[in-house]
């Protein structure tokens, strides 16, 4: 059974074209395809939220039955893994904040589809 995966994406990433319109359209369609899988949750943080808890950069919260929570922060040439409760708890707070301000799954799918058509469809 695959692991449960939740992704929080800020709306503005869809407005920053990387690779041109065709690539962006393909990537957004791929997100929509993946979002219907039962073990994948994709939620969009609307631009209207403004600055939010995650503006300092991307991170991953990984948890499993075999180990405690681990935060992974990646940089250009290294990765930092945080494992102590004191290190992990601020990031749990960030993920709770994401959950509180992000669109729900269905709203996120609709927004991604709408932006794909408005921004990148020819």
C-alpha atoms as a PDB file:
ATOM      1  CA  UNK A   1       0.000   0.000   0.000  1.00  0.00           C
ATOM      2  CA  UNK A   2       1.453   3.400  -0.950  1.00  0.00           C
ATOM      3  CA  UNK A   3       2.083   6.003   1.741  1.00  0.00           C
ATOM      4  CA  UNK A   4      -0.449   8.793   2.245  1.00  0.00           C
ATOM      5  CA  UNK A   5       0.913  11.994   0.736  1.00  0.00           C
ATOM      6  CA  UNK A   6      -0.378  15.527   1.279  1.00  0.00           C
ATOM      7  CA  UNK A   7       0.955  18.467  -0.713  1.00  0.00           C
ATOM      8  CA  UNK A   8       0.280  22.142  -0.022  1.00  0.00           C
ATOM      9  CA  UNK A   9       0.975  24.341  -3.066  1.00  0.00           C
ATOM     10  CA  UNK A  10       0.730  28.114  -3.116  1.00  0.00           C
ATOM     11  CA  UNK A  11      -1.467  29.434  -5.927  1.00  0.00           C
ATOM     12  CA  UNK A  12       1.257  31.760  -7.167  1.00  0.00           C
ATOM     13  CA  UNK A  13       3.434  28.841  -8.318  1.00  0.00           C
ATOM     14  CA  UNK A  14       0.973  28.326 -11.164  1.00  0.00           C
ATOM     15  CA  UNK A  15       1.518  31.922 -12.300  1.00  0.00           C
ATOM     16  CA  UNK A  16       5.294  31.478 -12.580  1.00  0.00           C
ATOM     17  CA  UNK A  17       5.843  29.813 -15.955  1.00  0.00           C
ATOM     18  CA  UNK A  18       8.729  27.366 -15.982  1.00  0.00           C
ATOM     19  CA  UNK A  19       9.495  25.743 -19.333  1.00  0.00           C
ATOM     20  CA  UNK A  20       6.811  27.604 -21.252  1.00  0.00           C
ATOM     21  CA  UNK A  21       3.035  27.265 -21.576  1.00  0.00           C
ATOM     22  CA  UNK A  22       3.018  23.688 -22.899  1.00  0.00           C
ATOM     23  CA  UNK A  23       5.151  22.440 -20.016  1.00  0.00           C
ATOM     24  CA  UNK A  24       3.040  24.281 -17.436  1.00  0.00           C
ATOM     25  CA  UNK A  25      -0.171  22.921 -18.929  1.00  0.00           C
ATOM     26  CA  UNK A  26       1.225  19.381 -18.885  1.00  0.00           C
ATOM     27  CA  UNK A  27       2.396  19.731 -15.275  1.00  0.00           C
ATOM     28  CA  UNK A  28      -0.951  21.081 -14.121  1.00  0.00           C
ATOM     29  CA  UNK A  29      -2.782  18.257 -15.884  1.00  0.00           C
ATOM     30  CA  UNK A  30      -0.448  15.781 -14.173  1.00  0.00           C
ATOM     31  CA  UNK A  31      -1.263  17.296 -10.780  1.00  0.00           C
ATOM     32  CA  UNK A  32      -4.965  16.876 -11.524  1.00  0.00           C
ATOM     33  CA  UNK A  33      -4.427  13.254 -12.615  1.00  0.00           C
ATOM     34  CA  UNK A  34      -2.518  12.473  -9.430  1.00  0.00           C
ATOM     35  CA  UNK A  35      -5.004  14.296  -7.203  1.00  0.00           C
ATOM     36  CA  UNK A  36      -7.731  11.697  -7.816  1.00  0.00           C
ATOM     37  CA  UNK A  37      -5.637   8.912  -6.292  1.00  0.00           C
ATOM     38  CA  UNK A  38      -6.918   7.908  -2.869  1.00  0.00           C
ATOM     39  CA  UNK A  39      -3.523   8.257  -1.201  1.00  0.00           C
ATOM     40  CA  UNK A  40      -2.628  11.686  -2.646  1.00  0.00           C
ATOM     41  CA  UNK A  41      -4.050  14.965  -1.347  1.00  0.00           C
ATOM     42  CA  UNK A  42      -3.250  18.207  -3.144  1.00  0.00           C
ATOM     43  CA  UNK A  43      -4.443  21.438  -1.575  1.00  0.00           C
ATOM     44  CA  UNK A  44      -3.823  24.944  -2.855  1.00  0.00           C
ATOM     45  CA  UNK A  45      -3.164  27.925  -0.607  1.00  0.00           C
ATOM     46  CA  UNK A  46      -4.945  30.830  -2.319  1.00  0.00           C
ATOM     47  CA  UNK A  47      -2.968  33.935  -3.221  1.00  0.00           C
ATOM     48  CA  UNK A  48      -5.576  35.967  -1.312  1.00  0.00           C
ATOM     49  CA  UNK A  49      -4.210  34.488   1.932  1.00  0.00           C
ATOM     50  CA  UNK A  50      -1.113  36.635   1.409  1.00  0.00           C
ATOM     51  CA  UNK A  51       1.978  35.863   3.451  1.00  0.00           C
ATOM     52  CA  UNK A  52       1.595  32.597   5.311  1.00  0.00           C
ATOM     53  CA  UNK A  53       3.492  30.290   7.632  1.00  0.00           C
ATOM     54  CA  UNK A  54       5.432  28.654   4.807  1.00  0.00           C
ATOM     55  CA  UNK A  55       6.991  31.707   3.203  1.00  0.00           C
ATOM     56  CA  UNK A  56      10.386  30.834   4.665  1.00  0.00           C
ATOM     57  CA  UNK A  57      10.712  27.918   2.254  1.00  0.00           C
ATOM     58  CA  UNK A  58       9.720  24.384   1.385  1.00  0.00           C
ATOM     59  CA  UNK A  59       9.929  21.531   3.856  1.00  0.00           C
ATOM     60  CA  UNK A  60       8.680  17.979   4.274  1.00  0.00           C
ATOM     61  CA  UNK A  61       7.093  16.354   7.284  1.00  0.00           C
ATOM     62  CA  UNK A  62       7.593  12.599   7.115  1.00  0.00           C
ATOM     63  CA  UNK A  63       5.957  10.220   9.570  1.00  0.00           C
ATOM     64  CA  UNK A  64       5.667   6.464   9.725  1.00  0.00           C
ATOM     65  CA  UNK A  65       4.613   3.800  12.184  1.00  0.00           C
ATOM     66  CA  UNK A  66       8.249   2.701  12.468  1.00  0.00           C
ATOM     67  CA  UNK A  67       9.773   6.067  13.338  1.00  0.00           C
ATOM     68  CA  UNK A  68       8.896   9.410  14.830  1.00  0.00           C
ATOM     69  CA  UNK A  69       8.298  12.513  12.752  1.00  0.00           C
ATOM     70  CA  UNK A  70      11.168  13.933  10.707  1.00  0.00           C
ATOM     71  CA  UNK A  71      11.327  17.326   9.030  1.00  0.00           C
ATOM     72  CA  UNK A  72      13.432  17.566   5.874  1.00  0.00           C
ATOM     73  CA  UNK A  73      14.593  20.950   4.623  1.00  0.00           C
ATOM     74  CA  UNK A  74      16.456  20.870   1.330  1.00  0.00           C
ATOM     75  CA  UNK A  75      18.902  23.446   0.024  1.00  0.00           C
ATOM     76  CA  UNK A  76      20.976  23.570  -3.147  1.00  0.00           C
ATOM     77  CA  UNK A  77      23.843  21.455  -1.829  1.00  0.00           C
ATOM     78  CA  UNK A  78      22.573  19.855   1.369  1.00  0.00           C
ATOM     79  CA  UNK A  79      19.561  18.666   3.335  1.00  0.00           C
ATOM     80  CA  UNK A  80      18.782  19.172   6.992  1.00  0.00           C
ATOM     81  CA  UNK A  81      16.826  16.549   8.949  1.00  0.00           C
ATOM     82  CA  UNK A  82      15.148  17.626  12.190  1.00  0.00           C
ATOM     83  CA  UNK A  83      14.007  14.899  14.568  1.00  0.00           C
ATOM     84  CA  UNK A  84      13.660  16.206  18.117  1.00  0.00           C
ATOM     85  CA  UNK A  85      10.280  17.341  19.410  1.00  0.00           C
ATOM     86  CA  UNK A  86      11.583  20.884  19.883  1.00  0.00           C
ATOM     87  CA  UNK A  87      12.700  20.961  16.231  1.00  0.00           C
ATOM     88  CA  UNK A  88       9.624  19.271  14.763  1.00  0.00           C
ATOM     89  CA  UNK A  89       6.852  21.069  16.651  1.00  0.00           C
ATOM     90  CA  UNK A  90       7.217  24.477  14.920  1.00  0.00           C
ATOM     91  CA  UNK A  91       6.837  22.707  11.573  1.00  0.00           C
ATOM     92  CA  UNK A  92       3.759  20.823  12.782  1.00  0.00           C
ATOM     93  CA  UNK A  93       2.328  24.250  13.569  1.00  0.00           C
ATOM     94  CA  UNK A  94       3.125  25.362   9.993  1.00  0.00           C
ATOM     95  CA  UNK A  95       1.355  22.333   8.520  1.00  0.00           C
ATOM     96  CA  UNK A  96      -1.694  22.970  10.742  1.00  0.00           C
ATOM     97  CA  UNK A  97      -1.703  26.561   9.496  1.00  0.00           C
ATOM     98  CA  UNK A  98      -1.569  25.286   5.900  1.00  0.00           C
ATOM     99  CA  UNK A  99      -4.514  22.990   6.569  1.00  0.00           C
ATOM    100  CA  UNK A 100      -6.502  25.900   7.997  1.00  0.00           C
ATOM    101  CA  UNK A 101      -5.949  28.290   5.080  1.00  0.00           C
ATOM    102  CA  UNK A 102      -5.759  25.967   2.054  1.00  0.00           C
ATOM    103  CA  UNK A 103      -8.684  25.234  -0.213  1.00  0.00           C
ATOM    104  CA  UNK A 104     -10.213  21.790   0.185  1.00  0.00           C
ATOM    105  CA  UNK A 105      -9.334  19.071  -2.319  1.00  0.00           C
ATOM    106  CA  UNK A 106     -12.247  19.695  -4.691  1.00  0.00           C
ATOM    107  CA  UNK A 107     -11.771  23.475  -4.630  1.00  0.00           C
ATOM    108  CA  UNK A 108      -8.051  22.978  -5.278  1.00  0.00           C
ATOM    109  CA  UNK A 109      -8.747  20.738  -8.276  1.00  0.00           C
ATOM    110  CA  UNK A 110     -11.152  23.314  -9.715  1.00  0.00           C
ATOM    111  CA  UNK A 111      -8.665  26.138  -9.223  1.00  0.00           C
ATOM    112  CA  UNK A 112      -5.814  24.207 -10.858  1.00  0.00           C
ATOM    113  CA  UNK A 113      -8.036  23.307 -13.823  1.00  0.00           C
ATOM    114  CA  UNK A 114      -9.283  26.881 -14.179  1.00  0.00           C
ATOM    115  CA  UNK A 115      -5.761  28.350 -14.013  1.00  0.00           C
ATOM    116  CA  UNK A 116      -4.467  25.795 -16.532  1.00  0.00           C
ATOM    117  CA  UNK A 117      -7.084  26.907 -19.053  1.00  0.00           C
ATOM    118  CA  UNK A 118      -6.859  30.643 -18.309  1.00  0.00           C
ATOM    119  CA  UNK A 119      -3.076  30.876 -18.188  1.00  0.00           C
ATOM    120  CA  UNK A 120      -1.710  28.216 -20.519  1.00  0.00           C
ATOM    121  CA  UNK A 121      -4.296  26.757 -22.911  1.00  0.00           C
ATOM    122  CA  UNK A 122      -3.970  28.061 -26.444  1.00  0.00           C
END
